[in-house]
Amino acid sequence: MLFKLLIILHTLGATVWAGGHLVLAATVLPTALKQNDPKPIHQFEEHFENFGLSALVLQVVTGLWITWIYFPGFQTFWAFDSFLSVYIGIKLLLLLGTLALALHARFFIIPNLSADNLNSLAFHILGVTTLAVLFVVLGAGIRLGGLT
C-alpha cells in the first residue's frame, strides 16, 4: 500500500512540475518573446513557483523513498547493472541539471530580468522543460519495465 501511495504522489508531483513547465514553455514564453516583455513570465512564476517547487520536492522525496524500496540501503543501486538502476541514475542526473539551471536562473537571470536578457531565460525555461519531459519518459519506462 505504501509503495502505491508513493507512486501516486510521485506521479502527481511530476504532473504539476512537467505540466507547469510545458504550459510556461508553450504558451507564456512565446507571448513574452513576441512582446519582448518579461512581465508574462513574472506573472506566471508568481502563481506557479511555490506550487511547482513543492511538487519538485515531493518528487525528490518520493523518488528517493521508492529507490530505497527497490534498492534497500542503496547497496546494489550503484552497480548500475539493471535498467532500473540506470534509469534512476539518469533521473538523478536530470535532477542535477534541473537544479543547476534553476539556481542559475534564480540568482543570475531573474533578479535582473529585462527585455535584454529574456532570451537567456528562454533557454533556461526550454532546458528545464526538456528535462521535466525526460523525467516523465524515464519514469514511465521504469513502470513499464524499460523503454526498449
Protein backbone atom coordinates (compact mmCIF):
# COMPACT_ATOMS: atom_id res chain seq x y z
CA MET A 1 0.00 0.00 0.00
CA LEU A 2 2.81 2.43 0.89
CA PHE A 3 4.56 1.77 -2.44
CA LYS A 4 1.39 2.53 -4.40
CA LEU A 5 0.83 5.74 -2.43
CA LEU A 6 4.42 6.81 -3.14
CA ILE A 7 3.95 6.14 -6.88
CA ILE A 8 0.73 8.18 -6.89
CA LEU A 9 2.34 11.11 -5.05
CA HIS A 10 5.42 10.93 -7.27
CA THR A 11 3.21 10.96 -10.37
CA LEU A 12 1.18 13.91 -9.09
CA GLY A 13 4.38 15.83 -8.46
CA ALA A 14 5.57 15.01 -11.97
CA THR A 15 2.25 16.11 -13.41
CA VAL A 16 2.50 19.52 -11.75
CA TRP A 17 6.21 20.01 -12.48
CA ALA A 18 6.23 18.85 -16.10
CA GLY A 19 2.77 20.21 -16.90
CA GLY A 20 3.53 23.62 -15.45
CA HIS A 21 6.75 23.89 -17.42
CA LEU A 22 5.04 22.75 -20.62
CA VAL A 23 2.43 25.49 -20.14
CA LEU A 24 5.18 28.02 -19.44
CA ALA A 25 7.26 26.98 -22.47
CA ALA A 26 4.37 26.53 -24.92
CA THR A 27 2.11 29.46 -24.05
CA VAL A 28 3.66 32.03 -21.71
CA LEU A 29 7.20 32.13 -23.11
CA PRO A 30 6.16 32.69 -26.76
CA THR A 31 3.97 35.60 -25.66
CA ALA A 32 6.79 37.13 -23.64
CA LEU A 33 9.25 36.72 -26.51
CA LYS A 34 6.81 38.12 -29.07
CA GLN A 35 6.16 41.17 -26.91
CA ASN A 36 9.83 41.31 -25.81
CA ASP A 37 8.46 41.70 -22.29
CA PRO A 38 9.28 39.50 -19.26
CA LYS A 39 6.07 40.50 -17.47
CA PRO A 40 4.04 37.43 -18.59
CA ILE A 41 6.79 35.17 -17.21
CA HIS A 42 6.84 37.07 -13.92
CA GLN A 43 3.06 36.75 -13.66
CA PHE A 44 3.18 33.01 -14.34
CA GLU A 45 6.02 32.43 -11.89
CA GLU A 46 4.19 34.44 -9.25
CA HIS A 47 1.45 31.80 -9.26
CA PHE A 48 3.43 28.68 -10.13
CA GLU A 49 6.74 28.98 -8.28
CA ASN A 50 5.76 27.79 -4.79
CA PHE A 51 3.39 25.12 -6.09
CA GLY A 52 5.90 23.92 -8.68
CA LEU A 53 8.81 23.81 -6.25
CA SER A 54 6.65 21.92 -3.74
CA ALA A 55 5.87 19.40 -6.48
CA LEU A 56 9.58 19.03 -7.25
CA VAL A 57 10.39 18.48 -3.57
CA LEU A 58 7.59 15.90 -3.42
CA GLN A 59 9.13 14.12 -6.40
CA VAL A 60 12.60 14.10 -4.86
CA VAL A 61 11.39 12.76 -1.51
CA THR A 62 9.11 10.11 -3.00
CA GLY A 63 11.67 9.23 -5.68
CA LEU A 64 14.39 8.60 -3.12
CA TRP A 65 11.95 6.61 -0.97
CA ILE A 66 10.89 4.50 -3.94
CA THR A 67 14.55 3.95 -4.83
CA TRP A 68 15.17 2.81 -1.24
CA ILE A 69 12.34 0.28 -1.63
CA TYR A 70 13.81 -1.03 -4.89
CA PHE A 71 17.39 -0.95 -3.57
CA PRO A 72 17.37 -1.24 0.25
CA GLY A 73 20.31 0.69 1.61
CA PHE A 74 21.19 1.70 -1.96
CA GLN A 75 23.69 -1.19 -1.79
CA THR A 76 23.17 -2.64 -5.26
CA PHE A 77 21.93 0.58 -6.82
CA TRP A 78 25.42 1.91 -7.54
CA ALA A 79 26.31 -1.15 -9.64
CA PHE A 80 24.05 0.15 -12.44
CA ASP A 81 23.58 -3.45 -13.60
CA SER A 82 19.85 -3.23 -14.31
CA PHE A 83 17.67 -0.94 -16.40
CA LEU A 84 16.08 0.17 -13.14
CA SER A 85 19.29 1.44 -11.55
CA VAL A 86 20.38 3.00 -14.86
CA TYR A 87 17.06 4.83 -15.32
CA ILE A 88 17.06 6.05 -11.72
CA GLY A 89 20.68 7.14 -12.11
CA ILE A 90 19.78 9.09 -15.23
CA LYS A 91 16.85 10.68 -13.38
CA LEU A 92 19.27 11.79 -10.66
CA LEU A 93 21.49 13.37 -13.33
CA LEU A 94 18.43 15.11 -14.79
CA LEU A 95 17.67 16.41 -11.30
CA LEU A 96 21.19 17.84 -11.02
CA GLY A 97 20.77 19.51 -14.41
CA THR A 98 17.40 20.91 -13.36
CA LEU A 99 18.84 22.28 -10.13
CA ALA A 100 21.81 23.83 -11.96
CA LEU A 101 19.55 25.58 -14.49
CA ALA A 102 17.06 26.67 -11.82
CA LEU A 103 19.71 28.05 -9.47
CA HIS A 104 21.50 29.87 -12.27
CA ALA A 105 18.25 31.42 -13.47
CA ARG A 106 17.09 32.27 -9.95
CA PHE A 107 20.28 34.01 -8.85
CA PHE A 108 21.77 35.37 -12.06
CA ILE A 109 18.97 35.99 -14.59
CA ILE A 110 15.65 36.54 -12.81
CA PRO A 111 16.85 39.26 -10.38
CA ASN A 112 17.85 41.38 -13.37
CA LEU A 113 15.25 40.12 -15.83
CA SER A 114 14.53 42.56 -18.61
CA ALA A 115 13.88 42.54 -22.32
CA ASP A 116 17.66 42.47 -22.78
CA ASN A 117 18.22 39.08 -21.14
CA LEU A 118 14.85 37.50 -21.86
CA ASN A 119 16.44 35.12 -24.39
CA SER A 120 18.79 33.78 -21.70
CA LEU A 121 15.81 32.94 -19.52
CA ALA A 122 14.06 31.38 -22.52
CA PHE A 123 16.94 28.90 -22.92
CA HIS A 124 16.68 28.04 -19.23
CA ILE A 125 12.92 27.54 -19.50
CA LEU A 126 13.30 25.29 -22.54
CA GLY A 127 16.08 23.36 -20.79
CA VAL A 128 14.12 22.76 -17.59
CA THR A 129 11.02 21.83 -19.62
CA THR A 130 13.01 19.34 -21.69
CA LEU A 131 14.46 17.80 -18.53
CA ALA A 132 10.97 17.63 -16.99
CA VAL A 133 9.63 15.74 -20.01
CA LEU A 134 12.61 13.37 -19.86
CA PHE A 135 11.81 12.75 -16.17
CA VAL A 136 8.31 11.65 -17.20
CA VAL A 137 9.57 9.46 -20.05
CA LEU A 138 12.09 7.69 -17.82
CA GLY A 139 9.53 7.37 -15.03
CA ALA A 140 7.13 5.70 -17.44
CA GLY A 141 9.97 3.48 -18.58
CA ILE A 142 10.59 2.39 -15.01
CA ARG A 143 6.94 1.44 -14.52
CA LEU A 144 6.81 -0.29 -17.96
CA GLY A 145 9.96 -2.35 -17.43
CA GLY A 146 12.15 -0.31 -19.76
CA LEU A 147 11.60 1.57 -22.98
CA THR A 148 13.32 -0.84 -25.35
